[in-house]
Protein backbone atom coordinates (compact mmCIF):
# COMPACT_ATOMS: atom_id res chain seq x y z
CA MET A 1 51.83 93.52 115.02
CA SER A 2 55.26 95.06 115.01
CA GLU A 3 57.82 94.06 112.45
CA ASN A 4 61.16 92.89 113.94
CA SER A 5 63.08 93.42 110.73
CA ASN A 6 63.93 97.03 110.10
CA PRO A 7 66.69 98.77 108.13
CA ASN A 8 68.82 99.25 111.24
CA ASN A 9 68.79 95.52 111.99
CA VAL A 10 69.80 94.75 108.41
CA GLU A 11 72.67 97.24 108.58
CA ASN A 12 73.81 95.81 111.91
CA ASP A 13 73.69 92.27 110.52
CA GLU A 14 75.78 93.31 107.52
CA PHE A 15 78.27 95.09 109.79
CA ASN A 16 78.54 91.99 112.01
CA LEU A 17 79.17 89.78 108.98
CA ILE A 18 81.92 92.11 107.79
CA ASN A 19 83.52 92.07 111.25
CA GLU A 20 83.29 88.27 111.47
CA ASP A 21 84.87 87.94 108.02
CA SER A 22 87.68 90.26 109.08
CA ASP A 23 88.14 88.32 112.33
CA TYR A 24 88.46 85.05 110.40
CA LYS A 25 91.01 86.57 108.02
CA ASP A 26 93.02 87.89 110.97
CA LEU A 27 92.86 84.47 112.64
CA ILE A 28 94.02 82.67 109.50
CA THR A 29 96.89 85.14 109.10
CA ARG A 30 97.94 84.64 112.73
CA LEU A 31 97.72 80.85 112.42
CA ASN A 32 99.92 80.96 109.32
CA GLU A 33 102.48 83.02 111.24
CA ILE A 34 102.43 80.49 114.07
CA LYS A 35 102.82 77.65 111.55
CA SER A 36 105.89 79.35 110.06
CA THR A 37 107.40 79.91 113.49
CA ILE A 38 106.89 76.26 114.42
CA ALA A 39 108.50 75.14 111.15
CA LEU A 40 111.55 77.32 111.85
CA LEU A 41 111.81 75.98 115.40
CA GLU A 42 111.60 72.40 114.13
CA LYS A 43 114.43 73.07 111.68
CA ALA A 44 116.57 74.53 114.47
CA ILE A 45 115.87 71.64 116.84
CA PHE A 46 116.44 68.83 114.36
CA LYS A 47 119.66 70.14 112.77
């Protein structure tokens, strides 16, 4: 029987988790920027 889990798979999984974490942080940052922009637009519209 061959073993599916090898060191390369573990390293790839760790790399993918790091990338996903980074992607989520980038997404949250971008969403916060959009939120700020919307707040500024609302202030300008409702003056």
